[in-house]
């Protein structure tokens, strides 16, 4: 598949780039600071400003899918760029804040959710609600575990829908490497068209 990863220089984006390229996909890795992106077989690096619709649309034209590993201040722009370029699929790395911990109760609304995280999390919650009204783009919103950490690439994880996935100890976590595996698995399997999924140990 020919894919573009926007926000490819961060922890999540760089892991997705490496995972997709290792599986034989043709990856365009885009970031404002392309010098921070690791190169390798199957990876083409490009500078790109995700706040500029025309610039991103030109870069992603002809791709089979776009994966966004961005913060949510540029997501509306990205959606516009995907539409303009005619890319058939968009996968978004979202946060865990919008996942339910009980019927009708989101993680962001619990006392355990740190106040300092809320300004960053509300954008992801809002963008998911926006995507749920979108019919003309085949989108997937990936909410990860509550904790993503530097850890081993195990290839093992459990998936869910709108509910937070926890282990036997009640913890919700996944390594950056396994997060990337879950995203690229979804890219290939296409199980969550116009819907959200989550993954955790």
N, C-alpha and C. Protein backbone atom coordinates (compact mmCIF):
# COMPACT_ATOMS: atom_id res chain seq x y z
N UNK A 1 0.83 -1.18 0.00
CA UNK A 1 0.00 0.00 0.00
C UNK A 1 0.88 1.25 0.00
N UNK A 2 0.41 2.29 -0.65
CA UNK A 2 1.09 3.58 -0.60
C UNK A 2 0.40 4.41 0.49
N UNK A 3 1.14 4.74 1.54
CA UNK A 3 0.54 5.47 2.64
C UNK A 3 1.38 6.70 3.00
N UNK A 4 0.72 7.66 3.62
CA UNK A 4 1.41 8.82 4.16
C UNK A 4 1.17 8.85 5.66
N UNK A 5 2.22 9.11 6.41
CA UNK A 5 2.10 9.28 7.86
C UNK A 5 2.41 10.74 8.17
N UNK A 6 1.41 11.44 8.68
CA UNK A 6 1.56 12.86 9.01
C UNK A 6 1.89 12.97 10.50
N UNK A 7 2.93 13.72 10.80
CA UNK A 7 3.41 13.77 12.18
C UNK A 7 4.38 12.63 12.45
N UNK A 8 5.23 12.36 11.47
CA UNK A 8 6.07 11.16 11.48
C UNK A 8 7.30 11.26 12.36
N UNK A 9 7.55 12.43 12.96
CA UNK A 9 8.77 12.57 13.76
C UNK A 9 8.55 12.31 15.25
N UNK A 10 7.30 12.18 15.68
CA UNK A 10 7.01 11.95 17.09
C UNK A 10 7.15 10.48 17.48
N UNK A 11 6.92 10.19 18.75
CA UNK A 11 7.05 8.81 19.24
C UNK A 11 6.11 7.86 18.51
N UNK A 12 4.83 8.23 18.44
CA UNK A 12 3.85 7.37 17.77
C UNK A 12 4.09 7.32 16.27
N UNK A 13 4.24 8.49 15.66
CA UNK A 13 4.41 8.54 14.21
C UNK A 13 5.62 7.78 13.72
N UNK A 14 6.75 7.93 14.42
CA UNK A 14 7.97 7.26 13.98
C UNK A 14 7.84 5.74 14.09
N UNK A 15 7.16 5.27 15.12
CA UNK A 15 6.96 3.82 15.27
C UNK A 15 6.04 3.29 14.17
N UNK A 16 5.01 4.05 13.81
CA UNK A 16 4.11 3.63 12.73
C UNK A 16 4.85 3.58 11.40
N UNK A 17 5.68 4.58 11.15
CA UNK A 17 6.47 4.60 9.91
C UNK A 17 7.33 3.35 9.82
N UNK A 18 8.06 3.04 10.88
CA UNK A 18 8.95 1.87 10.86
C UNK A 18 8.16 0.57 10.69
N UNK A 19 7.05 0.45 11.40
CA UNK A 19 6.25 -0.78 11.33
C UNK A 19 5.68 -0.99 9.94
N UNK A 20 5.14 0.07 9.35
CA UNK A 20 4.54 -0.05 8.01
C UNK A 20 5.60 -0.36 6.96
N UNK A 21 6.74 0.30 7.04
CA UNK A 21 7.82 0.05 6.07
C UNK A 21 8.35 -1.37 6.21
N UNK A 22 8.46 -1.86 7.43
CA UNK A 22 8.96 -3.21 7.66
C UNK A 22 8.05 -4.26 7.06
N UNK A 23 6.77 -3.92 6.91
CA UNK A 23 5.82 -4.86 6.30
C UNK A 23 5.72 -4.70 4.79
N UNK A 24 6.54 -3.84 4.23
CA UNK A 24 6.59 -3.71 2.78
C UNK A 24 5.74 -2.62 2.19
N UNK A 25 5.15 -1.77 3.04
CA UNK A 25 4.36 -0.65 2.51
C UNK A 25 5.29 0.47 2.05
N UNK A 26 4.81 1.23 1.08
CA UNK A 26 5.53 2.40 0.57
C UNK A 26 5.09 3.59 1.42
N UNK A 27 5.99 4.09 2.27
CA UNK A 27 5.62 5.08 3.28
C UNK A 27 6.22 6.45 2.98
N UNK A 28 5.33 7.45 2.91
CA UNK A 28 5.76 8.84 2.87
C UNK A 28 5.66 9.38 4.29
N UNK A 29 6.79 9.73 4.89
CA UNK A 29 6.83 10.23 6.26
C UNK A 29 6.92 11.74 6.24
N UNK A 30 5.89 12.41 6.80
CA UNK A 30 5.78 13.86 6.70
C UNK A 30 5.85 14.49 8.09
N UNK A 31 6.65 15.54 8.21
CA UNK A 31 6.73 16.29 9.47
C UNK A 31 7.26 17.68 9.18
N UNK A 32 7.02 18.60 10.10
CA UNK A 32 7.56 19.95 9.94
C UNK A 32 9.08 19.93 10.02
N UNK A 33 9.62 18.98 10.77
CA UNK A 33 11.08 18.86 10.90
C UNK A 33 11.50 17.47 10.38
N UNK A 34 11.59 17.32 9.07
CA UNK A 34 11.88 16.00 8.49
C UNK A 34 13.23 15.44 8.89
N UNK A 35 14.14 16.31 9.34
CA UNK A 35 15.47 15.82 9.75
C UNK A 35 15.38 14.94 10.99
N UNK A 36 14.25 14.97 11.68
CA UNK A 36 14.07 14.14 12.88
C UNK A 36 13.51 12.75 12.55
N UNK A 37 13.19 12.52 11.29
CA UNK A 37 12.59 11.24 10.90
C UNK A 37 13.68 10.25 10.51
N UNK A 38 13.61 9.06 11.07
CA UNK A 38 14.57 8.01 10.71
C UNK A 38 14.25 7.50 9.31
N UNK A 39 15.29 7.33 8.50
CA UNK A 39 15.10 6.85 7.14
C UNK A 39 15.32 5.34 7.09
N UNK A 40 14.97 4.75 5.97
CA UNK A 40 15.14 3.32 5.78
C UNK A 40 14.47 2.87 4.51
N UNK A 41 14.59 1.58 4.21
CA UNK A 41 13.96 1.04 3.00
C UNK A 41 12.46 1.24 3.06
N UNK A 42 11.91 1.73 1.96
CA UNK A 42 10.46 1.91 1.86
C UNK A 42 9.97 3.21 2.45
N UNK A 43 10.87 4.06 2.95
CA UNK A 43 10.49 5.32 3.59
C UNK A 43 10.99 6.50 2.77
N UNK A 44 10.08 7.38 2.38
CA UNK A 44 10.42 8.65 1.76
C UNK A 44 10.07 9.75 2.74
N UNK A 45 10.99 10.66 2.97
CA UNK A 45 10.81 11.72 3.96
C UNK A 45 10.49 13.03 3.27
N UNK A 46 9.54 13.78 3.82
CA UNK A 46 9.18 15.06 3.24
C UNK A 46 8.80 16.05 4.33
N UNK A 47 9.15 17.31 4.12
CA UNK A 47 8.68 18.37 5.00
C UNK A 47 7.23 18.69 4.65
N UNK A 48 6.43 18.97 5.67
CA UNK A 48 5.04 19.31 5.43
C UNK A 48 4.43 19.96 6.64
N UNK A 49 3.64 21.00 6.41
CA UNK A 49 2.97 21.73 7.48
C UNK A 49 1.50 21.33 7.48
N UNK A 50 1.09 20.60 8.51
CA UNK A 50 -0.27 20.06 8.56
C UNK A 50 -1.34 21.12 8.73
N UNK A 51 -0.95 22.37 8.95
CA UNK A 51 -1.93 23.45 9.04
C UNK A 51 -2.26 24.03 7.68
N UNK A 52 -1.59 23.55 6.62
CA UNK A 52 -1.79 24.09 5.28
C UNK A 52 -2.44 23.02 4.39
N UNK A 53 -3.71 23.24 4.07
CA UNK A 53 -4.49 22.25 3.32
C UNK A 53 -3.85 21.92 1.98
N UNK A 54 -3.54 22.94 1.19
CA UNK A 54 -3.02 22.71 -0.16
C UNK A 54 -1.69 21.96 -0.13
N UNK A 55 -0.84 22.31 0.82
CA UNK A 55 0.48 21.68 0.93
C UNK A 55 0.35 20.19 1.25
N UNK A 56 -0.49 19.86 2.21
CA UNK A 56 -0.66 18.46 2.58
C UNK A 56 -1.39 17.70 1.48
N UNK A 57 -2.40 18.32 0.88
CA UNK A 57 -3.14 17.65 -0.20
C UNK A 57 -2.22 17.27 -1.35
N UNK A 58 -1.28 18.16 -1.69
CA UNK A 58 -0.34 17.87 -2.77
C UNK A 58 0.56 16.69 -2.42
N UNK A 59 0.97 16.60 -1.17
CA UNK A 59 1.84 15.51 -0.73
C UNK A 59 1.13 14.16 -0.74
N UNK A 60 -0.14 14.13 -0.35
CA UNK A 60 -0.82 12.85 -0.15
C UNK A 60 -1.62 12.38 -1.36
N UNK A 61 -1.69 13.21 -2.41
CA UNK A 61 -2.41 12.79 -3.61
C UNK A 61 -1.82 11.49 -4.16
N UNK A 62 -2.68 10.54 -4.47
CA UNK A 62 -2.25 9.25 -4.99
C UNK A 62 -1.99 8.19 -3.95
N UNK A 63 -2.10 8.54 -2.69
CA UNK A 63 -1.89 7.56 -1.62
C UNK A 63 -3.17 6.74 -1.40
N UNK A 64 -2.97 5.52 -0.90
CA UNK A 64 -4.10 4.66 -0.59
C UNK A 64 -4.71 4.98 0.78
N UNK A 65 -3.89 5.54 1.65
CA UNK A 65 -4.36 5.88 3.00
C UNK A 65 -3.44 6.91 3.61
N UNK A 66 -4.00 7.68 4.54
CA UNK A 66 -3.24 8.64 5.33
C UNK A 66 -3.42 8.27 6.80
N UNK A 67 -2.31 8.24 7.54
CA UNK A 67 -2.36 8.03 8.98
C UNK A 67 -1.90 9.31 9.66
N UNK A 68 -2.74 9.86 10.53
CA UNK A 68 -2.39 11.07 11.26
C UNK A 68 -1.91 10.72 12.65
N UNK A 69 -0.71 11.17 12.98
CA UNK A 69 -0.18 11.01 14.33
C UNK A 69 0.02 12.39 14.97
N UNK A 70 -0.92 13.29 14.66
CA UNK A 70 -0.81 14.69 15.07
C UNK A 70 -1.59 14.99 16.33
N UNK A 71 -1.28 16.14 16.94
CA UNK A 71 -2.17 16.70 17.95
C UNK A 71 -3.40 17.25 17.23
N UNK A 72 -4.43 17.54 17.99
CA UNK A 72 -5.72 17.79 17.36
C UNK A 72 -5.97 19.22 16.93
N UNK A 73 -4.96 20.08 16.98
CA UNK A 73 -5.17 21.44 16.50
C UNK A 73 -5.15 21.54 14.98
N UNK A 74 -4.79 20.46 14.29
CA UNK A 74 -4.72 20.48 12.83
C UNK A 74 -5.63 19.44 12.18
N UNK A 75 -6.50 18.83 12.94
CA UNK A 75 -7.26 17.71 12.39
C UNK A 75 -8.30 18.15 11.37
N UNK A 76 -8.95 19.29 11.57
CA UNK A 76 -9.91 19.76 10.58
C UNK A 76 -9.21 20.07 9.26
N UNK A 77 -8.02 20.63 9.35
CA UNK A 77 -7.23 20.89 8.15
C UNK A 77 -6.86 19.59 7.45
N UNK A 78 -6.48 18.59 8.21
CA UNK A 78 -6.12 17.30 7.63
C UNK A 78 -7.30 16.67 6.91
N UNK A 79 -8.48 16.73 7.52
CA UNK A 79 -9.67 16.18 6.88
C UNK A 79 -9.94 16.89 5.56
N UNK A 80 -9.77 18.20 5.53
CA UNK A 80 -9.96 18.96 4.29
C UNK A 80 -8.95 18.55 3.23
N UNK A 81 -7.70 18.31 3.66
CA UNK A 81 -6.65 17.90 2.73
C UNK A 81 -6.94 16.52 2.15
N UNK A 82 -7.41 15.61 2.98
CA UNK A 82 -7.76 14.25 2.52
C UNK A 82 -8.87 14.33 1.49
N UNK A 83 -9.85 15.16 1.74
CA UNK A 83 -10.95 15.33 0.78
C UNK A 83 -10.44 15.92 -0.54
N UNK A 84 -9.61 16.94 -0.44
CA UNK A 84 -9.11 17.59 -1.66
C UNK A 84 -8.25 16.65 -2.48
N UNK A 85 -7.45 15.82 -1.81
CA UNK A 85 -6.55 14.89 -2.51
C UNK A 85 -7.27 13.64 -3.01
N UNK A 86 -8.46 13.39 -2.49
CA UNK A 86 -9.21 12.20 -2.89
C UNK A 86 -8.64 10.91 -2.34
N UNK A 87 -7.95 10.99 -1.20
CA UNK A 87 -7.41 9.78 -0.57
C UNK A 87 -8.57 8.99 0.04
N UNK A 88 -8.69 7.70 -0.25
CA UNK A 88 -9.88 6.95 0.17
C UNK A 88 -9.97 6.64 1.66
N UNK A 89 -8.84 6.60 2.38
CA UNK A 89 -8.89 6.24 3.80
C UNK A 89 -8.06 7.18 4.65
N UNK A 90 -8.55 7.44 5.87
CA UNK A 90 -7.82 8.24 6.84
C UNK A 90 -7.90 7.55 8.20
N UNK A 91 -6.75 7.29 8.79
CA UNK A 91 -6.69 6.70 10.12
C UNK A 91 -6.09 7.74 11.06
N UNK A 92 -6.70 7.92 12.21
CA UNK A 92 -6.31 8.97 13.14
C UNK A 92 -5.87 8.36 14.46
N UNK A 93 -4.71 8.80 14.95
CA UNK A 93 -4.29 8.39 16.29
C UNK A 93 -4.95 9.33 17.29
N UNK A 94 -5.91 8.81 18.00
CA UNK A 94 -6.63 9.62 18.97
C UNK A 94 -6.18 9.31 20.39
N UNK A 95 -6.76 10.00 21.35
CA UNK A 95 -6.43 9.75 22.74
C UNK A 95 -7.41 8.81 23.40
N UNK A 96 -7.10 8.44 24.63
CA UNK A 96 -7.97 7.54 25.39
C UNK A 96 -9.08 8.27 26.13
N UNK A 97 -9.02 9.61 26.15
CA UNK A 97 -9.93 10.39 27.00
C UNK A 97 -11.40 10.14 26.71
N UNK A 98 -11.73 9.85 25.46
CA UNK A 98 -13.14 9.69 25.09
C UNK A 98 -13.66 8.27 25.32
N UNK A 99 -12.78 7.35 25.72
CA UNK A 99 -13.22 5.98 25.99
C UNK A 99 -14.07 5.92 27.26
N UNK A 100 -15.04 5.04 27.26
CA UNK A 100 -15.93 4.89 28.41
C UNK A 100 -15.32 3.96 29.46
N UNK A 101 -15.40 4.38 30.72
CA UNK A 101 -15.00 3.52 31.83
C UNK A 101 -16.21 2.90 32.50
N UNK A 102 -17.37 3.42 32.18
CA UNK A 102 -18.67 2.90 32.62
C UNK A 102 -19.68 3.43 31.62
N UNK A 103 -20.86 2.81 31.52
CA UNK A 103 -21.85 3.30 30.54
C UNK A 103 -22.13 4.80 30.71
N UNK A 104 -21.84 5.56 29.64
CA UNK A 104 -22.10 6.98 29.66
C UNK A 104 -21.06 7.83 30.35
N UNK A 105 -19.99 7.21 30.89
CA UNK A 105 -18.95 7.95 31.60
C UNK A 105 -17.62 7.82 30.86
N UNK A 106 -17.11 8.94 30.33
CA UNK A 106 -15.84 8.94 29.63
C UNK A 106 -14.68 9.06 30.62
N UNK A 107 -13.53 8.55 30.22
CA UNK A 107 -12.34 8.64 31.05
C UNK A 107 -12.02 10.08 31.44
N UNK A 108 -12.20 11.01 30.50
CA UNK A 108 -11.88 12.41 30.77
C UNK A 108 -12.74 13.00 31.88
N UNK A 109 -13.91 12.42 32.13
CA UNK A 109 -14.84 12.95 33.12
C UNK A 109 -14.67 12.32 34.50
N UNK A 110 -13.67 11.46 34.66
CA UNK A 110 -13.45 10.81 35.95
C UNK A 110 -12.46 11.62 36.80
N UNK A 111 -12.53 11.49 38.12
CA UNK A 111 -11.58 12.21 38.99
C UNK A 111 -10.13 11.81 38.76
N UNK A 112 -9.91 10.61 38.23
CA UNK A 112 -8.54 10.12 38.02
C UNK A 112 -7.85 10.78 36.83
N UNK A 113 -8.62 11.43 35.96
CA UNK A 113 -8.02 12.02 34.76
C UNK A 113 -7.34 13.34 35.15
N UNK A 114 -6.03 13.47 34.92
CA UNK A 114 -5.30 14.66 35.37
C UNK A 114 -5.82 15.95 34.72
N UNK A 115 -6.02 16.97 35.51
CA UNK A 115 -6.52 18.25 35.00
C UNK A 115 -5.59 18.84 33.95
N UNK A 116 -4.28 18.64 34.13
CA UNK A 116 -3.33 19.25 33.20
C UNK A 116 -3.39 18.60 31.81
N UNK A 117 -3.97 17.42 31.71
CA UNK A 117 -4.10 16.76 30.42
C UNK A 117 -5.35 17.20 29.66
N UNK A 118 -6.32 17.74 30.36
CA UNK A 118 -7.63 18.01 29.75
C UNK A 118 -7.57 18.98 28.57
N UNK A 119 -6.78 20.08 28.63
CA UNK A 119 -6.75 20.97 27.46
C UNK A 119 -6.30 20.28 26.18
N UNK A 120 -5.45 19.26 26.29
CA UNK A 120 -4.98 18.52 25.12
C UNK A 120 -5.99 17.45 24.70
N UNK A 121 -6.71 16.91 25.68
CA UNK A 121 -7.61 15.79 25.42
C UNK A 121 -8.94 16.21 24.80
N UNK A 122 -9.41 17.40 25.13
CA UNK A 122 -10.74 17.80 24.66
C UNK A 122 -10.80 17.88 23.14
N UNK A 123 -9.66 18.22 22.50
CA UNK A 123 -9.64 18.27 21.05
C UNK A 123 -9.89 16.92 20.42
N UNK A 124 -9.33 15.88 21.02
CA UNK A 124 -9.54 14.53 20.51
C UNK A 124 -10.97 14.07 20.68
N UNK A 125 -11.57 14.41 21.82
CA UNK A 125 -12.97 14.06 22.06
C UNK A 125 -13.85 14.74 21.02
N UNK A 126 -13.59 16.01 20.76
CA UNK A 126 -14.39 16.77 19.79
C UNK A 126 -14.20 16.24 18.37
N UNK A 127 -12.94 15.88 18.03
CA UNK A 127 -12.70 15.42 16.67
C UNK A 127 -13.39 14.09 16.40
N UNK A 128 -13.44 13.21 17.39
CA UNK A 128 -14.16 11.95 17.21
C UNK A 128 -15.63 12.22 16.93
N UNK A 129 -16.21 13.16 17.66
CA UNK A 129 -17.61 13.49 17.43
C UNK A 129 -17.81 14.07 16.03
N UNK A 130 -16.85 14.87 15.57
CA UNK A 130 -16.93 15.40 14.21
C UNK A 130 -16.87 14.27 13.19
N UNK A 131 -15.92 13.36 13.37
CA UNK A 131 -15.78 12.25 12.42
C UNK A 131 -17.04 11.40 12.35
N UNK A 132 -17.74 11.27 13.44
CA UNK A 132 -18.95 10.45 13.44
C UNK A 132 -20.07 11.05 12.60
N UNK A 133 -19.89 12.28 12.13
CA UNK A 133 -20.84 12.89 11.21
C UNK A 133 -20.35 12.84 9.76
N UNK A 134 -19.14 12.31 9.54
CA UNK A 134 -18.52 12.30 8.22
C UNK A 134 -18.88 11.03 7.46
N UNK A 135 -19.44 11.20 6.26
CA UNK A 135 -19.82 10.06 5.43
C UNK A 135 -18.98 9.92 4.16
N UNK A 136 -18.27 10.98 3.78
CA UNK A 136 -17.59 10.98 2.49
C UNK A 136 -16.13 10.56 2.57
N UNK A 137 -15.64 10.28 3.77
CA UNK A 137 -14.27 9.78 3.97
C UNK A 137 -14.35 8.51 4.81
N UNK A 138 -13.60 7.49 4.40
CA UNK A 138 -13.55 6.23 5.15
C UNK A 138 -12.52 6.39 6.27
N UNK A 139 -12.99 6.80 7.45
CA UNK A 139 -12.10 7.12 8.56
C UNK A 139 -12.08 6.01 9.60
N UNK A 140 -11.00 5.98 10.36
CA UNK A 140 -10.88 5.13 11.55
C UNK A 140 -10.19 5.95 12.63
N UNK A 141 -10.76 5.94 13.82
CA UNK A 141 -10.20 6.67 14.96
C UNK A 141 -9.67 5.64 15.95
N UNK A 142 -8.36 5.69 16.21
CA UNK A 142 -7.72 4.72 17.10
C UNK A 142 -7.45 5.37 18.45
N UNK A 143 -8.23 4.99 19.46
CA UNK A 143 -7.96 5.42 20.83
C UNK A 143 -7.07 4.37 21.49
N UNK A 144 -5.91 4.76 21.96
CA UNK A 144 -5.00 3.78 22.57
C UNK A 144 -5.37 3.50 24.02
N UNK A 145 -4.53 2.76 24.67
CA UNK A 145 -4.65 2.56 26.11
C UNK A 145 -4.42 3.90 26.82
N UNK A 146 -4.77 3.95 28.09
CA UNK A 146 -4.59 5.19 28.86
C UNK A 146 -3.13 5.56 29.01
N UNK A 147 -2.24 4.55 29.05
CA UNK A 147 -0.80 4.79 29.19
C UNK A 147 -0.07 4.15 28.01
N UNK A 148 0.72 4.98 27.29
CA UNK A 148 1.59 4.47 26.24
C UNK A 148 3.02 4.70 26.71
N UNK A 149 3.84 3.67 26.63
CA UNK A 149 5.18 3.77 27.21
C UNK A 149 6.23 3.15 26.29
N UNK A 150 7.49 3.53 26.51
CA UNK A 150 8.59 2.90 25.79
C UNK A 150 8.76 1.49 26.34
N UNK A 151 8.56 0.51 25.50
CA UNK A 151 8.63 -0.87 25.95
C UNK A 151 8.84 -1.81 24.79
N UNK A 152 8.80 -3.09 25.03
CA UNK A 152 9.10 -4.09 24.00
C UNK A 152 8.02 -4.18 22.93
N UNK A 153 8.43 -4.69 21.79
CA UNK A 153 7.50 -4.99 20.69
C UNK A 153 7.09 -6.45 20.85
N UNK A 154 5.92 -6.68 21.43
CA UNK A 154 5.49 -8.05 21.70
C UNK A 154 4.58 -8.61 20.62
N UNK A 155 3.86 -7.73 19.95
CA UNK A 155 2.89 -8.20 18.95
C UNK A 155 1.60 -8.70 19.55
N UNK A 156 1.46 -8.58 20.86
CA UNK A 156 0.25 -9.05 21.53
C UNK A 156 -0.51 -7.86 22.12
N UNK A 157 -1.80 -7.83 21.87
CA UNK A 157 -2.66 -6.79 22.44
C UNK A 157 -4.11 -7.24 22.29
N UNK A 158 -5.00 -6.59 23.01
CA UNK A 158 -6.43 -6.85 22.88
C UNK A 158 -7.11 -5.60 22.35
N UNK A 159 -8.12 -5.79 21.54
CA UNK A 159 -8.84 -4.65 20.98
C UNK A 159 -10.22 -4.51 21.62
N UNK A 160 -10.76 -3.31 21.48
CA UNK A 160 -12.11 -3.02 21.96
C UNK A 160 -12.72 -1.93 21.11
N UNK A 161 -13.90 -1.50 21.50
CA UNK A 161 -14.60 -0.47 20.76
C UNK A 161 -14.57 0.87 21.47
N UNK A 162 -15.64 1.18 22.19
CA UNK A 162 -15.74 2.46 22.87
C UNK A 162 -15.40 2.39 24.35
N UNK A 163 -15.08 1.19 24.84
CA UNK A 163 -14.78 1.03 26.27
C UNK A 163 -13.27 0.87 26.48
N UNK A 164 -12.78 1.45 27.56
CA UNK A 164 -11.36 1.33 27.92
C UNK A 164 -11.03 -0.14 28.19
N UNK A 165 -9.95 -0.63 27.58
CA UNK A 165 -9.50 -2.00 27.79
C UNK A 165 -8.46 -2.01 28.91
N UNK A 166 -8.68 -2.85 29.92
CA UNK A 166 -7.76 -2.95 31.05
C UNK A 166 -7.32 -4.39 31.24
N UNK A 167 -6.19 -4.57 31.93
CA UNK A 167 -5.70 -5.92 32.21
C UNK A 167 -6.24 -6.41 33.56
N UNK A 168 -5.74 -7.54 34.01
CA UNK A 168 -6.24 -8.14 35.25
C UNK A 168 -5.98 -7.26 36.47
N UNK A 169 -4.98 -6.38 36.36
CA UNK A 169 -4.66 -5.48 37.47
C UNK A 169 -5.44 -4.17 37.37
N UNK A 170 -6.30 -4.06 36.38
CA UNK A 170 -7.08 -2.85 36.20
C UNK A 170 -6.35 -1.74 35.49
N UNK A 171 -5.18 -2.05 34.91
CA UNK A 171 -4.39 -1.04 34.21
C UNK A 171 -4.65 -1.08 32.71
N UNK A 172 -4.60 0.08 32.10
CA UNK A 172 -4.78 0.20 30.65
C UNK A 172 -3.49 0.76 30.07
N UNK A 173 -2.72 -0.10 29.38
CA UNK A 173 -1.42 0.35 28.89
C UNK A 173 -1.01 -0.44 27.65
N UNK A 174 -0.09 0.16 26.89
CA UNK A 174 0.47 -0.50 25.70
C UNK A 174 1.78 0.22 25.36
N UNK A 175 2.74 -0.50 24.79
CA UNK A 175 3.99 0.13 24.38
C UNK A 175 3.80 0.87 23.06
N UNK A 176 4.67 1.84 22.80
CA UNK A 176 4.61 2.55 21.52
C UNK A 176 4.74 1.57 20.36
N UNK A 177 5.59 0.57 20.51
CA UNK A 177 5.81 -0.40 19.43
C UNK A 177 4.56 -1.21 19.14
N UNK A 178 3.88 -1.66 20.19
CA UNK A 178 2.65 -2.45 19.97
C UNK A 178 1.49 -1.57 19.55
N UNK A 179 1.49 -0.31 19.97
CA UNK A 179 0.53 0.66 19.47
C UNK A 179 0.65 0.73 17.94
N UNK A 180 1.89 0.83 17.45
CA UNK A 180 2.12 0.91 16.01
C UNK A 180 1.66 -0.36 15.31
N UNK A 181 1.90 -1.51 15.92
CA UNK A 181 1.43 -2.76 15.34
C UNK A 181 -0.08 -2.76 15.19
N UNK A 182 -0.78 -2.32 16.23
CA UNK A 182 -2.24 -2.29 16.18
C UNK A 182 -2.74 -1.36 15.08
N UNK A 183 -2.08 -0.22 14.91
CA UNK A 183 -2.50 0.71 13.85
C UNK A 183 -2.26 0.12 12.46
N UNK A 184 -1.10 -0.48 12.24
CA UNK A 184 -0.81 -1.03 10.91
C UNK A 184 -1.65 -2.29 10.67
N UNK A 185 -1.94 -3.05 11.72
CA UNK A 185 -2.88 -4.17 11.56
C UNK A 185 -4.23 -3.67 11.06
N UNK A 186 -4.70 -2.56 11.63
CA UNK A 186 -5.97 -1.98 11.19
C UNK A 186 -5.89 -1.47 9.76
N UNK A 187 -4.77 -0.86 9.41
CA UNK A 187 -4.57 -0.41 8.04
C UNK A 187 -4.75 -1.57 7.06
N UNK A 188 -4.18 -2.71 7.40
CA UNK A 188 -4.22 -3.86 6.49
C UNK A 188 -5.55 -4.61 6.55
N UNK A 189 -6.11 -4.77 7.74
CA UNK A 189 -7.32 -5.59 7.90
C UNK A 189 -8.60 -4.80 7.64
N UNK A 190 -8.56 -3.49 7.86
CA UNK A 190 -9.70 -2.61 7.58
C UNK A 190 -10.98 -3.10 8.28
N UNK A 191 -10.85 -3.32 9.59
CA UNK A 191 -11.98 -3.84 10.36
C UNK A 191 -12.89 -2.76 10.94
N UNK A 192 -12.40 -1.52 11.00
CA UNK A 192 -13.16 -0.48 11.71
C UNK A 192 -13.41 0.72 10.79
N UNK A 193 -14.13 0.46 9.72
CA UNK A 193 -14.49 1.52 8.80
C UNK A 193 -15.51 2.45 9.45
N UNK A 194 -15.22 3.74 9.42
CA UNK A 194 -16.08 4.79 9.98
C UNK A 194 -16.46 4.48 11.42
N UNK A 195 -15.46 4.05 12.18
CA UNK A 195 -15.70 3.74 13.60
C UNK A 195 -14.40 3.89 14.37
N UNK A 196 -14.51 3.75 15.69
CA UNK A 196 -13.38 3.88 16.59
C UNK A 196 -13.03 2.51 17.19
N UNK A 197 -11.75 2.29 17.44
CA UNK A 197 -11.35 1.10 18.16
C UNK A 197 -10.24 1.47 19.15
N UNK A 198 -9.97 0.57 20.07
CA UNK A 198 -8.91 0.78 21.04
C UNK A 198 -8.08 -0.50 21.14
N UNK A 199 -6.90 -0.39 21.72
CA UNK A 199 -6.03 -1.55 21.91
C UNK A 199 -5.22 -1.36 23.18
N UNK A 200 -5.06 -2.43 23.93
CA UNK A 200 -4.27 -2.40 25.17
C UNK A 200 -3.93 -3.84 25.54
N UNK A 201 -3.06 -3.97 26.50
CA UNK A 201 -2.68 -5.32 26.97
C UNK A 201 -3.81 -5.90 27.81
